Amino acid sequence: MKDYKNILIIKMSSLGDVLHALPTLYALRKNCPQARIVWAVHQNFSAVLPGKPYIDDVIYIDKKKLKSFSYLRGLRKKLHDYHFDLCLDLQGLAKSAIVAWCSGAKEKYGYWEMREGSFLVSKGLAGTHQYDHVIERYLDTVRVLGGRVDEIAFPLPSIEKEKGIMKERFRALGLTGPYIAVVPGARWSVKEWPLPYWTEFLRRVTASGMGAVILGSADDTVKGQVISRDAETGIYDFTGKTSLRELMAAISSSRLYISADTGPLHIANALKKELIALFGPTCPDRTGPYGGPDSSYIHMIISPTSQATPDHPLVNDPECMSQITVDTVWHTYIQAIKKVNG
């Protein structure tokens, strides 16, 4: 790989997608230890990005202003001041193509799925993992450029402070023992496991003596209230009550994480937390939890009616997730907890 001096990574959203790009950041730093690496991102997803030695600077992109000439002029000047010799557009959309164009980088590349005309700005690089998991597709950009990829690693920011904060918050509510972390929501409602299923499952969990912490964004607040209201004691609802790093800390300190296909699932994966992933309308072969060969911490449950393929989700199958039974998740949970407890 060339001895690049100034590198721009463009991956602005969403939460899961940003996390999927972290192994590429890790590989770039390993191959270019002296380079200045800058990441362009939407500010609300920046909390999962690490600082030095992996990232030297972060540039926040306001997607609502990308059509403003004055904003683009300022962005272009800001980016040109870095004198980028390499730009990696891992978003592959029109909005990221604008940022790549503004970068002034001598070499502009992306992974092979360059959409919405982004291929007119950055050259898509297709490697041997062209049809594999998206993490491998991103890593192919490093491989094609001559870099080595020896492992799947997720560099993350320190969350020690947030772990202490969450421990005190849990203690104040009476949660001092082990717990599992669950997220009932998802960006698409079709990907969500039904709330009555969550309620019944968590009844069994708490009856066994394990605590349960419900996590999620403010959009998941009603779901958390319904589950915690209908279930019994031992359930602690923190939906809409944590920052992104506090959510990371709560997941990190849990015994086990469970959710459908949603951003926090990929946080759990990046933390290499023992997890159970529920998939129906989307295909885990492309965007599910992934850690390379060393990913025995992942327990996958796929709807028996699911016929989703890596690039064709079943967005019009609202009954897909209801085919995953409480008994199925419970039996998987028992096996996973036995593994965690040794």
C-alpha atoms as a PDB file:
ATOM      1  CA  MET A   1       0.000   0.000   0.000  1.00  0.00           C
ATOM      2  CA  LYS A   2       1.221   3.519  -0.763  1.00  0.00           C
ATOM      3  CA  ASP A   3       2.538   5.627   2.066  1.00  0.00           C
ATOM      4  CA  TYR A   4      -0.490   7.921   2.200  1.00  0.00           C
ATOM      5  CA  LYS A   5      -0.020  11.014   4.369  1.00  0.00           C
ATOM      6  CA  ASN A   6      -3.538  12.449   4.676  1.00  0.00           C
ATOM      7  CA  ILE A   7      -6.584  10.195   4.435  1.00  0.00           C
ATOM      8  CA  LEU A   8     -10.284  11.086   4.485  1.00  0.00           C
ATOM      9  CA  ILE A   9     -12.871   8.429   5.338  1.00  0.00           C
ATOM     10  CA  ILE A  10     -16.452   9.334   4.461  1.00  0.00           C
ATOM     11  CA  LYS A  11     -19.085   7.358   6.356  1.00  0.00           C
ATOM     12  CA  MET A  12     -21.714   9.712   7.675  1.00  0.00           C
ATOM     13  CA  SER A  13     -24.587   7.426   8.654  1.00  0.00           C
ATOM     14  CA  SER A  14     -26.306   5.367   9.927  1.00  0.00           C
ATOM     15  CA  LEU A  15     -25.220   3.980  13.299  1.00  0.00           C
ATOM     16  CA  GLY A  16     -24.797   0.404  12.105  1.00  0.00           C
ATOM     17  CA  ASP A  17     -23.094   1.519   8.902  1.00  0.00           C
ATOM     18  CA  VAL A  18     -20.571   3.653  10.780  1.00  0.00           C
ATOM     19  CA  LEU A  19     -19.749   0.693  13.018  1.00  0.00           C
ATOM     20  CA  HIS A  20     -19.375  -1.567   9.970  1.00  0.00           C
ATOM     21  CA  ALA A  21     -16.688   0.788   8.660  1.00  0.00           C
ATOM     22  CA  LEU A  22     -14.532   0.666  11.825  1.00  0.00           C
ATOM     23  CA  PRO A  23     -12.561  -2.459  10.775  1.00  0.00           C
ATOM     24  CA  THR A  24     -11.522  -0.554   7.630  1.00  0.00           C
ATOM     25  CA  LEU A  25     -10.301   2.299   9.819  1.00  0.00           C
ATOM     26  CA  TYR A  26      -8.324  -0.216  11.873  1.00  0.00           C
ATOM     27  CA  ALA A  27      -6.770  -1.729   8.753  1.00  0.00           C
ATOM     28  CA  LEU A  28      -5.884   1.684   7.342  1.00  0.00           C
ATOM     29  CA  ARG A  29      -4.133   2.688  10.545  1.00  0.00           C
ATOM     30  CA  LYS A  30      -2.173  -0.569  10.579  1.00  0.00           C
ATOM     31  CA  ASN A  31      -1.055  -0.020   6.985  1.00  0.00           C
ATOM     32  CA  CYS A  32      -0.478   3.731   7.301  1.00  0.00           C
ATOM     33  CA  PRO A  33       0.714   4.261  10.897  1.00  0.00           C
ATOM     34  CA  GLN A  34       2.038   7.776  10.266  1.00  0.00           C
ATOM     35  CA  ALA A  35      -0.903   9.093   8.231  1.00  0.00           C
ATOM     36  CA  ARG A  36      -3.307  11.748   9.413  1.00  0.00           C
ATOM     37  CA  ILE A  37      -6.754  10.145   9.239  1.00  0.00           C
ATOM     38  CA  VAL A  38      -9.869  12.315   9.196  1.00  0.00           C
ATOM     39  CA  TRP A  39     -13.458  11.002   9.326  1.00  0.00           C
ATOM     40  CA  ALA A  40     -16.471  12.831   7.861  1.00  0.00           C
ATOM     41  CA  VAL A  41     -19.693  11.953   9.714  1.00  0.00           C
ATOM     42  CA  HIS A  42     -23.081  13.284  10.805  1.00  0.00           C
ATOM     43  CA  GLN A  43     -22.608  14.571  14.327  1.00  0.00           C
ATOM     44  CA  ASN A  44     -25.320  12.385  15.907  1.00  0.00           C
ATOM     45  CA  PHE A  45     -23.370   9.237  14.970  1.00  0.00           C
ATOM     46  CA  SER A  46     -19.917  10.510  15.935  1.00  0.00           C
ATOM     47  CA  ALA A  47     -20.009   9.232  19.539  1.00  0.00           C
ATOM     48  CA  VAL A  48     -19.042   5.706  18.434  1.00  0.00           C
ATOM     49  CA  LEU A  49     -15.876   6.908  16.706  1.00  0.00           C
ATOM     50  CA  PRO A  50     -12.542   6.499  18.500  1.00  0.00           C
ATOM     51  CA  GLY A  51     -10.040   9.290  18.891  1.00  0.00           C
ATOM     52  CA  LYS A  52      -6.293   8.936  18.527  1.00  0.00           C
ATOM     53  CA  PRO A  53      -4.385   6.904  17.546  1.00  0.00           C
ATOM     54  CA  TYR A  54      -7.022   5.820  15.041  1.00  0.00           C
ATOM     55  CA  ILE A  55      -8.659   9.116  14.078  1.00  0.00           C
ATOM     56  CA  ASP A  56      -6.822  12.427  14.186  1.00  0.00           C
ATOM     57  CA  ASP A  57      -9.772  14.659  13.396  1.00  0.00           C
ATOM     58  CA  VAL A  58     -13.521  14.468  12.809  1.00  0.00           C
ATOM     59  CA  ILE A  59     -15.471  16.675  10.413  1.00  0.00           C
ATOM     60  CA  TYR A  60     -19.200  17.010  10.948  1.00  0.00           C
ATOM     61  CA  ILE A  61     -21.290  17.117   7.790  1.00  0.00           C
ATOM     62  CA  ASP A  62     -24.719  18.764   7.849  1.00  0.00           C
ATOM     63  CA  LYS A  63     -26.643  16.899   5.155  1.00  0.00           C
ATOM     64  CA  LYS A  64     -29.394  19.519   5.162  1.00  0.00           C
ATOM     65  CA  LYS A  65     -26.902  22.126   3.959  1.00  0.00           C
ATOM     66  CA  LEU A  66     -25.230  20.127   1.197  1.00  0.00           C
ATOM     67  CA  LYS A  67     -27.348  21.973  -1.378  1.00  0.00           C
ATOM     68  CA  SER A  68     -26.180  25.352  -0.084  1.00  0.00           C
ATOM     69  CA  PHE A  69     -23.456  26.959  -2.201  1.00  0.00           C
ATOM     70  CA  SER A  70     -22.045  28.917   0.725  1.00  0.00           C
ATOM     71  CA  TYR A  71     -21.893  25.765   2.889  1.00  0.00           C
ATOM     72  CA  LEU A  72     -20.156  23.799   0.129  1.00  0.00           C
ATOM     73  CA  ARG A  73     -17.678  26.595  -0.437  1.00  0.00           C
ATOM     74  CA  GLY A  74     -16.763  26.577   3.262  1.00  0.00           C
ATOM     75  CA  LEU A  75     -16.619  22.773   3.350  1.00  0.00           C
ATOM     76  CA  ARG A  76     -14.393  22.669   0.284  1.00  0.00           C
ATOM     77  CA  LYS A  77     -11.957  25.129   1.828  1.00  0.00           C
ATOM     78  CA  LYS A  78     -11.909  23.237   5.126  1.00  0.00           C
ATOM     79  CA  LEU A  79     -11.247  19.912   3.424  1.00  0.00           C
ATOM     80  CA  HIS A  80      -8.647  21.307   1.004  1.00  0.00           C
ATOM     81  CA  ASP A  81      -6.619  22.567   3.964  1.00  0.00           C
ATOM     82  CA  TYR A  82      -5.879  18.937   4.882  1.00  0.00           C
ATOM     83  CA  HIS A  83      -4.243  18.235   1.485  1.00  0.00           C
ATOM     84  CA  PHE A  84      -5.761  14.763   1.244  1.00  0.00           C
ATOM     85  CA  ASP A  85      -3.967  12.304  -0.984  1.00  0.00           C
ATOM     86  CA  LEU A  86      -6.579   9.579  -0.404  1.00  0.00           C
ATOM     87  CA  CYS A  87     -10.356   9.756   0.047  1.00  0.00           C
ATOM     88  CA  LEU A  88     -12.344   6.587   0.828  1.00  0.00           C
ATOM     89  CA  ASP A  89     -16.081   7.045   0.272  1.00  0.00           C
ATOM     90  CA  LEU A  90     -17.628   4.122   2.164  1.00  0.00           C
ATOM     91  CA  GLN A  91     -21.125   5.617   1.883  1.00  0.00           C
ATOM     92  CA  GLY A  92     -21.395   5.427  -1.887  1.00  0.00           C
ATOM     93  CA  LEU A  93     -24.310   7.859  -2.222  1.00  0.00           C
ATOM     94  CA  ALA A  94     -24.859  11.270  -3.802  1.00  0.00           C
ATOM     95  CA  LYS A  95     -24.363  13.095  -0.486  1.00  0.00           C
ATOM     96  CA  SER A  96     -21.016  11.409   0.152  1.00  0.00           C
ATOM     97  CA  ALA A  97     -19.960  12.006  -3.453  1.00  0.00           C
ATOM     98  CA  ILE A  98     -20.396  15.730  -2.837  1.00  0.00           C
ATOM     99  CA  VAL A  99     -18.098  15.521   0.177  1.00  0.00           C
ATOM    100  CA  ALA A 100     -15.574  13.439  -1.780  1.00  0.00           C
ATOM    101  CA  TRP A 101     -15.589  15.989  -4.586  1.00  0.00           C
ATOM    102  CA  CYS A 102     -15.072  18.810  -2.080  1.00  0.00           C
ATOM    103  CA  SER A 103     -12.142  16.956  -0.510  1.00  0.00           C
ATOM    104  CA  GLY A 104      -9.757  17.699  -3.374  1.00  0.00           C
ATOM    105  CA  ALA A 105      -8.081  14.347  -2.733  1.00  0.00           C
ATOM    106  CA  LYS A 106      -5.673  13.179  -5.416  1.00  0.00           C
ATOM    107  CA  GLU A 107      -7.110   9.663  -5.262  1.00  0.00           C
ATOM    108  CA  LYS A 108     -10.789   9.033  -4.586  1.00  0.00           C
ATOM    109  CA  TYR A 109     -12.118   5.525  -4.128  1.00  0.00           C
ATOM    110  CA  GLY A 110     -15.108   3.698  -2.711  1.00  0.00           C
ATOM    111  CA  TYR A 111     -16.259   0.119  -2.329  1.00  0.00           C
ATOM    112  CA  TRP A 112     -17.768  -1.475  -5.385  1.00  0.00           C
ATOM    113  CA  GLU A 113     -21.430  -0.552  -4.695  1.00  0.00           C
ATOM    114  CA  MET A 114     -21.209   3.124  -5.677  1.00  0.00           C
ATOM    115  CA  ARG A 115     -24.782   4.379  -6.124  1.00  0.00           C
ATOM    116  CA  GLU A 116     -26.649   7.576  -7.001  1.00  0.00           C
ATOM    117  CA  GLY A 117     -23.901   8.716  -9.358  1.00  0.00           C
ATOM    118  CA  SER A 118     -21.173   8.539  -6.703  1.00  0.00           C
ATOM    119  CA  PHE A 119     -19.131   6.439  -9.154  1.00  0.00           C
ATOM    120  CA  LEU A 120     -18.664   9.608 -11.216  1.00  0.00           C
ATOM    121  CA  VAL A 121     -16.551  11.049  -8.391  1.00  0.00           C
ATOM    122  CA  SER A 122     -14.930   8.018  -6.748  1.00  0.00           C
ATOM    123  CA  LYS A 123     -13.760   4.766  -8.321  1.00  0.00           C
ATOM    124  CA  GLY A 124     -15.435   1.682  -6.876  1.00  0.00           C
ATOM    125  CA  LEU A 125     -12.982  -1.045  -5.874  1.00  0.00           C
ATOM    126  CA  ALA A 126     -14.165  -4.643  -6.208  1.00  0.00           C
ATOM    127  CA  GLY A 127     -12.202  -7.334  -4.402  1.00  0.00           C
ATOM    128  CA  THR A 128     -12.535 -11.011  -3.609  1.00  0.00           C
ATOM    129  CA  HIS A 129     -15.253 -10.313  -1.012  1.00  0.00           C
ATOM    130  CA  GLN A 130     -17.492  -8.455  -3.457  1.00  0.00           C
ATOM    131  CA  TYR A 131     -20.610 -10.409  -2.446  1.00  0.00           C
ATOM    132  CA  ASP A 132     -19.747 -11.118   1.184  1.00  0.00           C
ATOM    133  CA  HIS A 133     -20.624  -9.228   4.354  1.00  0.00           C
ATOM    134  CA  VAL A 134     -20.510  -5.443   3.997  1.00  0.00           C
ATOM    135  CA  ILE A 135     -17.599  -5.264   6.462  1.00  0.00           C
ATOM    136  CA  GLU A 136     -15.558  -7.402   4.069  1.00  0.00           C
ATOM    137  CA  ARG A 137     -16.729  -5.301   1.112  1.00  0.00           C
ATOM    138  CA  TYR A 138     -15.399  -2.184   2.826  1.00  0.00           C
ATOM    139  CA  LEU A 139     -12.144  -3.941   3.725  1.00  0.00           C
ATOM    140  CA  ASP A 140     -11.671  -4.858   0.076  1.00  0.00           C
ATOM    141  CA  THR A 141     -10.829  -1.202  -0.577  1.00  0.00           C
ATOM    142  CA  VAL A 142      -7.730  -1.618   1.600  1.00  0.00           C
ATOM    143  CA  ARG A 143      -6.885  -4.973   0.033  1.00  0.00           C
ATOM    144  CA  VAL A 144      -7.201  -3.695  -3.551  1.00  0.00           C
ATOM    145  CA  LEU A 145      -4.973  -0.727  -2.691  1.00  0.00           C
ATOM    146  CA  GLY A 146      -2.276  -3.169  -1.610  1.00  0.00           C
ATOM    147  CA  GLY A 147      -2.871  -3.139   2.141  1.00  0.00           C
ATOM    148  CA  ARG A 148      -2.918  -6.114   4.498  1.00  0.00           C
ATOM    149  CA  VAL A 149      -6.021  -7.112   6.437  1.00  0.00           C
ATOM    150  CA  ASP A 150      -5.085  -9.538   9.176  1.00  0.00           C
ATOM    151  CA  GLU A 151      -8.121  -9.350  11.456  1.00  0.00           C
ATOM    152  CA  ILE A 152     -11.584  -7.907  12.017  1.00  0.00           C
ATOM    153  CA  ALA A 153     -11.176  -5.322  14.775  1.00  0.00           C
ATOM    154  CA  PHE A 154     -13.474  -2.526  15.932  1.00  0.00           C
ATOM    155  CA  PRO A 155     -11.620   0.436  17.447  1.00  0.00           C
ATOM    156  CA  LEU A 156     -14.052   2.158  19.820  1.00  0.00           C
ATOM    157  CA  PRO A 157     -13.901   5.164  22.143  1.00  0.00           C
ATOM    158  CA  SER A 158     -13.331   4.757  25.875  1.00  0.00           C
ATOM    159  CA  ILE A 159     -16.602   4.334  27.792  1.00  0.00           C
ATOM    160  CA  GLU A 160     -15.131   3.858  31.266  1.00  0.00           C
ATOM    161  CA  LYS A 161     -16.696   7.108  32.489  1.00  0.00           C
ATOM    162  CA  GLU A 162     -20.101   6.073  31.135  1.00  0.00           C
ATOM    163  CA  LYS A 163     -19.797   2.625  32.721  1.00  0.00           C
ATOM    164  CA  GLY A 164     -19.432   4.297  36.114  1.00  0.00           C
ATOM    165  CA  ILE A 165     -22.399   6.570  35.441  1.00  0.00           C
ATOM    166  CA  MET A 166     -24.663   3.698  34.410  1.00  0.00           C
ATOM    167  CA  LYS A 167     -23.558   1.531  37.340  1.00  0.00           C
ATOM    168  CA  GLU A 168     -24.659   4.280  39.734  1.00  0.00           C
ATOM    169  CA  ARG A 169     -27.944   4.801  37.887  1.00  0.00           C
ATOM    170  CA  PHE A 170     -28.679   1.078  38.026  1.00  0.00           C
ATOM    171  CA  ARG A 171     -27.762   0.912  41.699  1.00  0.00           C
ATOM    172  CA  ALA A 172     -30.122   3.792  42.500  1.00  0.00           C
ATOM    173  CA  LEU A 173     -32.976   1.712  41.058  1.00  0.00           C
ATOM    174  CA  GLY A 174     -31.975  -1.437  42.903  1.00  0.00           C
ATOM    175  CA  LEU A 175     -30.204  -3.221  40.043  1.00  0.00           C
ATOM    176  CA  THR A 176     -26.935  -4.511  41.463  1.00  0.00           C
ATOM    177  CA  GLY A 177     -26.750  -8.010  40.008  1.00  0.00           C
ATOM    178  CA  PRO A 178     -26.301  -9.374  36.486  1.00  0.00           C
ATOM    179  CA  TYR A 179     -28.641  -8.307  33.711  1.00  0.00           C
ATOM    180  CA  ILE A 180     -29.288  -8.715  30.023  1.00  0.00           C
ATOM    181  CA  ALA A 181     -29.693  -5.741  27.690  1.00  0.00           C
ATOM    182  CA  VAL A 182     -32.476  -5.698  25.092  1.00  0.00           C
ATOM    183  CA  VAL A 183     -33.601  -3.203  22.443  1.00  0.00           C
ATOM    184  CA  PRO A 184     -37.190  -3.736  21.238  1.00  0.00           C
ATOM    185  CA  GLY A 185     -37.195  -1.073  18.517  1.00  0.00           C
ATOM    186  CA  ALA A 186     -35.733  -0.804  15.031  1.00  0.00           C
ATOM    187  CA  ARG A 187     -35.608   1.818  12.306  1.00  0.00           C
ATOM    188  CA  TRP A 188     -38.178  -0.164  10.298  1.00  0.00           C
ATOM    189  CA  SER A 189     -41.179  -1.450  12.235  1.00  0.00           C
ATOM    190  CA  VAL A 190     -41.238  -4.553  10.015  1.00  0.00           C
ATOM    191  CA  LYS A 191     -37.923  -5.625  11.614  1.00  0.00           C
ATOM    192  CA  GLU A 192     -39.286  -5.504  15.192  1.00  0.00           C
ATOM    193  CA  TRP A 193     -40.145  -8.556  17.264  1.00  0.00           C
ATOM    194  CA  PRO A 194     -43.746  -8.168  18.581  1.00  0.00           C
ATOM    195  CA  LEU A 195     -44.068  -6.451  21.974  1.00  0.00           C
ATOM    196  CA  PRO A 196     -46.174  -9.272  23.530  1.00  0.00           C
ATOM    197  CA  TYR A 197     -43.330 -11.661  22.673  1.00  0.00           C
ATOM    198  CA  TRP A 198     -40.826  -9.397  24.409  1.00  0.00           C
ATOM    199  CA  THR A 199     -43.077  -9.199  27.466  1.00  0.00           C
ATOM    200  CA  GLU A 200     -43.443 -12.969  27.778  1.00  0.00           C
ATOM    201  CA  PHE A 201     -39.766 -13.586  27.140  1.00  0.00           C
ATOM    202  CA  LEU A 202     -38.651 -11.060  29.774  1.00  0.00           C
ATOM    203  CA  ARG A 203     -41.098 -12.567  32.284  1.00  0.00           C
ATOM    204  CA  ARG A 204     -39.196 -15.825  31.923  1.00  0.00           C
ATOM    205  CA  VAL A 205     -35.836 -14.069  32.164  1.00  0.00           C
ATOM    206  CA  THR A 206     -36.658 -12.203  35.363  1.00  0.00           C
ATOM    207  CA  ALA A 207     -38.355 -15.268  36.881  1.00  0.00           C
ATOM    208  CA  SER A 208     -34.995 -17.039  36.521  1.00  0.00           C
ATOM    209  CA  GLY A 209     -33.342 -14.350  38.651  1.00  0.00           C
ATOM    210  CA  MET A 210     -31.717 -12.357  35.846  1.00  0.00           C
ATOM    211  CA  GLY A 211     -32.349  -8.618  35.552  1.00  0.00           C
ATOM    212  CA  ALA A 212     -33.305  -7.010  32.243  1.00  0.00           C
ATOM    213  CA  VAL A 213     -32.501  -3.505  31.003  1.00  0.00           C
ATOM    214  CA  ILE A 214     -34.526  -2.141  28.089  1.00  0.00           C
ATOM    215  CA  LEU A 215     -32.546   0.280  25.925  1.00  0.00           C
ATOM    216  CA  GLY A 216     -33.287   2.372  22.872  1.00  0.00           C
ATOM    217  CA  SER A 217     -33.777   5.878  21.554  1.00  0.00           C
ATOM    218  CA  ALA A 218     -36.561   8.303  22.434  1.00  0.00           C
ATOM    219  CA  ASP A 219     -38.574   6.709  19.604  1.00  0.00           C
ATOM    220  CA  ASP A 220     -38.608   3.464  21.597  1.00  0.00           C
ATOM    221  CA  THR A 221     -39.986   5.016  24.804  1.00  0.00           C
ATOM    222  CA  VAL A 222     -43.554   3.785  24.327  1.00  0.00           C
ATOM    223  CA  LYS A 223     -42.307   0.263  23.609  1.00  0.00           C
ATOM    224  CA  GLY A 224     -40.231   0.280  26.780  1.00  0.00           C
ATOM    225  CA  GLN A 225     -43.174   1.520  28.821  1.00  0.00           C
ATOM    226  CA  VAL A 226     -45.496  -1.166  27.459  1.00  0.00           C
ATOM    227  CA  ILE A 227     -43.051  -3.999  28.104  1.00  0.00           C
ATOM    228  CA  SER A 228     -42.065  -2.862  31.596  1.00  0.00           C
ATOM    229  CA  ARG A 229     -45.711  -2.234  32.501  1.00  0.00           C
ATOM    230  CA  ASP A 230     -46.947  -5.622  31.363  1.00  0.00           C
ATOM    231  CA  ALA A 231     -44.006  -7.657  32.627  1.00  0.00           C
ATOM    232  CA  GLU A 232     -43.069  -8.229  36.264  1.00  0.00           C
ATOM    233  CA  THR A 233     -40.357  -6.859  38.531  1.00  0.00           C
ATOM    234  CA  GLY A 234     -36.712  -7.025  37.563  1.00  0.00           C
ATOM    235  CA  ILE A 235     -37.133  -5.001  34.371  1.00  0.00           C
ATOM    236  CA  TYR A 236     -35.566  -1.550  34.101  1.00  0.00           C
ATOM    237  CA  ASP A 237     -36.698   0.744  31.303  1.00  0.00           C
ATOM    238  CA  PHE A 238     -33.975   3.094  30.018  1.00  0.00           C
ATOM    239  CA  THR A 239     -35.416   3.801  26.578  1.00  0.00           C
ATOM    240  CA  GLY A 240     -34.746   7.420  25.657  1.00  0.00           C
ATOM    241  CA  LYS A 241     -32.763   7.922  28.874  1.00  0.00           C
ATOM    242  CA  THR A 242     -29.173   7.409  27.766  1.00  0.00           C
ATOM    243  CA  SER A 243     -26.643   9.090  25.552  1.00  0.00           C
ATOM    244  CA  LEU A 244     -25.151   6.942  22.814  1.00  0.00           C
ATOM    245  CA  ARG A 245     -22.039   6.221  24.878  1.00  0.00           C
ATOM    246  CA  GLU A 246     -24.140   5.467  27.963  1.00  0.00           C
ATOM    247  CA  LEU A 247     -26.082   2.985  25.855  1.00  0.00           C
ATOM    248  CA  MET A 248     -22.754   1.460  24.798  1.00  0.00           C
ATOM    249  CA  ALA A 249     -21.749   1.229  28.462  1.00  0.00           C
ATOM    250  CA  ALA A 250     -25.012  -0.475  29.434  1.00  0.00           C
ATOM    251  CA  ILE A 251     -24.536  -3.039  26.676  1.00  0.00           C
ATOM    252  CA  SER A 252     -20.884  -3.549  27.577  1.00  0.00           C
ATOM    253  CA  SER A 253     -21.668  -4.322  31.233  1.00  0.00           C
ATOM    254  CA  SER A 254     -24.522  -6.723  30.446  1.00  0.00           C
ATOM    255  CA  ARG A 255     -24.240 -10.518  30.444  1.00  0.00           C
ATOM    256  CA  LEU A 256     -25.997 -10.819  27.098  1.00  0.00           C
ATOM    257  CA  TYR A 257     -27.539  -8.571  24.447  1.00  0.00           C
ATOM    258  CA  ILE A 258     -30.706  -9.315  22.437  1.00  0.00           C
ATOM    259  CA  SER A 259     -32.454  -7.378  19.663  1.00  0.00           C
ATOM    260  CA  ALA A 260     -33.596  -7.459  16.081  1.00  0.00           C
ATOM    261  CA  ASP A 261     -31.639  -5.799  13.255  1.00  0.00           C
ATOM    262  CA  THR A 262     -30.952  -2.323  14.658  1.00  0.00           C
ATOM    263  CA  GLY A 263     -28.015  -0.001  15.365  1.00  0.00           C
ATOM    264  CA  PRO A 264     -27.348  -1.095  18.981  1.00  0.00           C
ATOM    265  CA  LEU A 265     -27.023  -4.693  17.752  1.00  0.00           C
ATOM    266  CA  HIS A 266     -23.900  -3.586  15.900  1.00  0.00           C
ATOM    267  CA  ILE A 267     -22.609  -1.864  19.021  1.00  0.00           C
ATOM    268  CA  ALA A 268     -22.906  -5.197  20.832  1.00  0.00           C
ATOM    269  CA  ASN A 269     -21.117  -6.883  17.961  1.00  0.00           C
ATOM    270  CA  ALA A 270     -18.314  -4.307  17.967  1.00  0.00           C
ATOM    271  CA  LEU A 271     -17.941  -4.890  21.710  1.00  0.00           C
ATOM    272  CA  LYS A 272     -17.849  -8.643  20.987  1.00  0.00           C
ATOM    273  CA  LYS A 273     -20.627  -9.052  23.512  1.00  0.00           C
ATOM    274  CA  GLU A 274     -22.415 -12.396  23.646  1.00  0.00           C
ATOM    275  CA  LEU A 275     -25.557 -11.654  21.654  1.00  0.00           C
ATOM    276  CA  ILE A 276     -28.750 -13.041  20.173  1.00  0.00           C
ATOM    277  CA  ALA A 277     -29.823 -11.444  16.896  1.00  0.00           C
ATOM    278  CA  LEU A 278     -33.373 -11.796  15.552  1.00  0.00           C
ATOM    279  CA  PHE A 279     -33.617 -11.520  11.777  1.00  0.00           C
ATOM    280  CA  GLY A 280     -36.610 -11.708   9.453  1.00  0.00           C
ATOM    281  CA  PRO A 281     -37.027  -9.219   6.609  1.00  0.00           C
ATOM    282  CA  THR A 282     -33.304  -8.467   6.312  1.00  0.00           C
ATOM    283  CA  CYS A 283     -30.451 -10.850   5.600  1.00  0.00           C
ATOM    284  CA  PRO A 284     -27.661 -11.230   8.185  1.00  0.00           C
ATOM    285  CA  ASP A 285     -25.275 -12.514   5.516  1.00  0.00           C
ATOM    286  CA  ARG A 286     -24.800  -8.920   4.384  1.00  0.00           C
ATOM    287  CA  THR A 287     -25.377  -6.664   7.392  1.00  0.00           C
ATOM    288  CA  GLY A 288     -25.792  -8.923  10.403  1.00  0.00           C
ATOM    289  CA  PRO A 289     -23.386  -9.232  13.346  1.00  0.00           C
ATOM    290  CA  TYR A 290     -19.972 -10.206  12.037  1.00  0.00           C
ATOM    291  CA  GLY A 291     -16.554 -10.659  13.556  1.00  0.00           C
ATOM    292  CA  GLY A 292     -14.761 -12.824  11.046  1.00  0.00           C
ATOM    293  CA  PRO A 293     -13.655 -16.340  12.042  1.00  0.00           C
ATOM    294  CA  ASP A 294     -13.659 -15.443  15.762  1.00  0.00           C
ATOM    295  CA  SER A 295     -17.362 -14.744  16.113  1.00  0.00           C
ATOM    296  CA  SER A 296     -18.609 -17.579  18.301  1.00  0.00           C
ATOM    297  CA  TYR A 297     -20.308 -15.004  20.538  1.00  0.00           C
ATOM    298  CA  ILE A 298     -23.049 -14.525  17.926  1.00  0.00           C
ATOM    299  CA  HIS A 299     -26.293 -16.515  18.161  1.00  0.00           C
ATOM    300  CA  MET A 300     -28.513 -15.953  15.131  1.00  0.00           C
ATOM    301  CA  ILE A 301     -32.250 -16.625  14.985  1.00  0.00           C
ATOM    302  CA  ILE A 302     -33.809 -16.233  11.548  1.00  0.00           C
ATOM    303  CA  SER A 303     -37.532 -16.280  10.828  1.00  0.00           C
ATOM    304  CA  PRO A 304     -38.574 -19.608   9.273  1.00  0.00           C
ATOM    305  CA  THR A 305     -40.537 -17.706   6.609  1.00  0.00           C
ATOM    306  CA  SER A 306     -37.661 -15.376   5.746  1.00  0.00           C
ATOM    307  CA  GLN A 307     -36.370 -15.546   2.179  1.00  0.00           C
ATOM    308  CA  ALA A 308     -34.408 -12.311   2.316  1.00  0.00           C
ATOM    309  CA  THR A 309     -31.193 -12.243   0.293  1.00  0.00           C
ATOM    310  CA  PRO A 310     -28.131 -10.091   0.986  1.00  0.00           C
ATOM    311  CA  ASP A 311     -29.289  -7.305  -1.323  1.00  0.00           C
ATOM    312  CA  HIS A 312     -33.071  -7.813  -1.319  1.00  0.00           C
ATOM    313  CA  PRO A 313     -34.787  -7.322   2.061  1.00  0.00           C
ATOM    314  CA  LEU A 314     -38.401  -8.402   2.625  1.00  0.00           C
ATOM    315  CA  VAL A 315     -39.691  -4.952   3.549  1.00  0.00           C
ATOM    316  CA  ASN A 316     -43.273  -5.916   2.667  1.00  0.00           C
ATOM    317  CA  ASP A 317     -43.612  -8.918   4.976  1.00  0.00           C
ATOM    318  CA  PRO A 318     -45.061  -7.554   8.259  1.00  0.00           C
ATOM    319  CA  GLU A 319     -45.660 -11.059   9.665  1.00  0.00           C
ATOM    320  CA  CYS A 320     -42.082 -12.206   9.207  1.00  0.00           C
ATOM    321  CA  MET A 321     -40.829 -11.469  12.736  1.00  0.00           C
ATOM    322  CA  SER A 322     -43.877 -12.955  14.443  1.00  0.00           C
ATOM    323  CA  GLN A 323     -42.752 -16.357  13.137  1.00  0.00           C
ATOM    324  CA  ILE A 324     -39.874 -16.274  15.633  1.00  0.00           C
ATOM    325  CA  THR A 325     -41.443 -17.823  18.726  1.00  0.00           C
ATOM    326  CA  VAL A 326     -40.799 -16.976  22.361  1.00  0.00           C
ATOM    327  CA  ASP A 327     -39.808 -20.600  22.968  1.00  0.00           C
ATOM    328  CA  THR A 328     -37.159 -20.397  20.244  1.00  0.00           C
ATOM    329  CA  VAL A 329     -35.599 -17.269  21.727  1.00  0.00           C
ATOM    330  CA  TRP A 330     -35.854 -18.677  25.255  1.00  0.00           C
ATOM    331  CA  HIS A 331     -34.051 -21.908  24.373  1.00  0.00           C
ATOM    332  CA  THR A 332     -31.324 -19.950  22.585  1.00  0.00           C
ATOM    333  CA  TYR A 333     -31.048 -17.659  25.592  1.00  0.00           C
ATOM    334  CA  ILE A 334     -30.573 -20.596  27.986  1.00  0.00           C
ATOM    335  CA  GLN A 335     -27.727 -21.949  25.850  1.00  0.00           C
ATOM    336  CA  ALA A 336     -26.089 -18.535  25.537  1.00  0.00           C
ATOM    337  CA  ILE A 337     -26.263 -17.819  29.276  1.00  0.00           C
ATOM    338  CA  LYS A 338     -24.745 -21.222  30.052  1.00  0.00           C
ATOM    339  CA  LYS A 339     -21.864 -20.322  27.754  1.00  0.00           C
ATOM    340  CA  VAL A 340     -21.394 -16.893  29.389  1.00  0.00           C
ATOM    341  CA  ASN A 341     -21.442 -18.400  32.858  1.00  0.00           C
ATOM    342  CA  GLY A 342     -18.958 -21.039  31.874  1.00  0.00           C
END
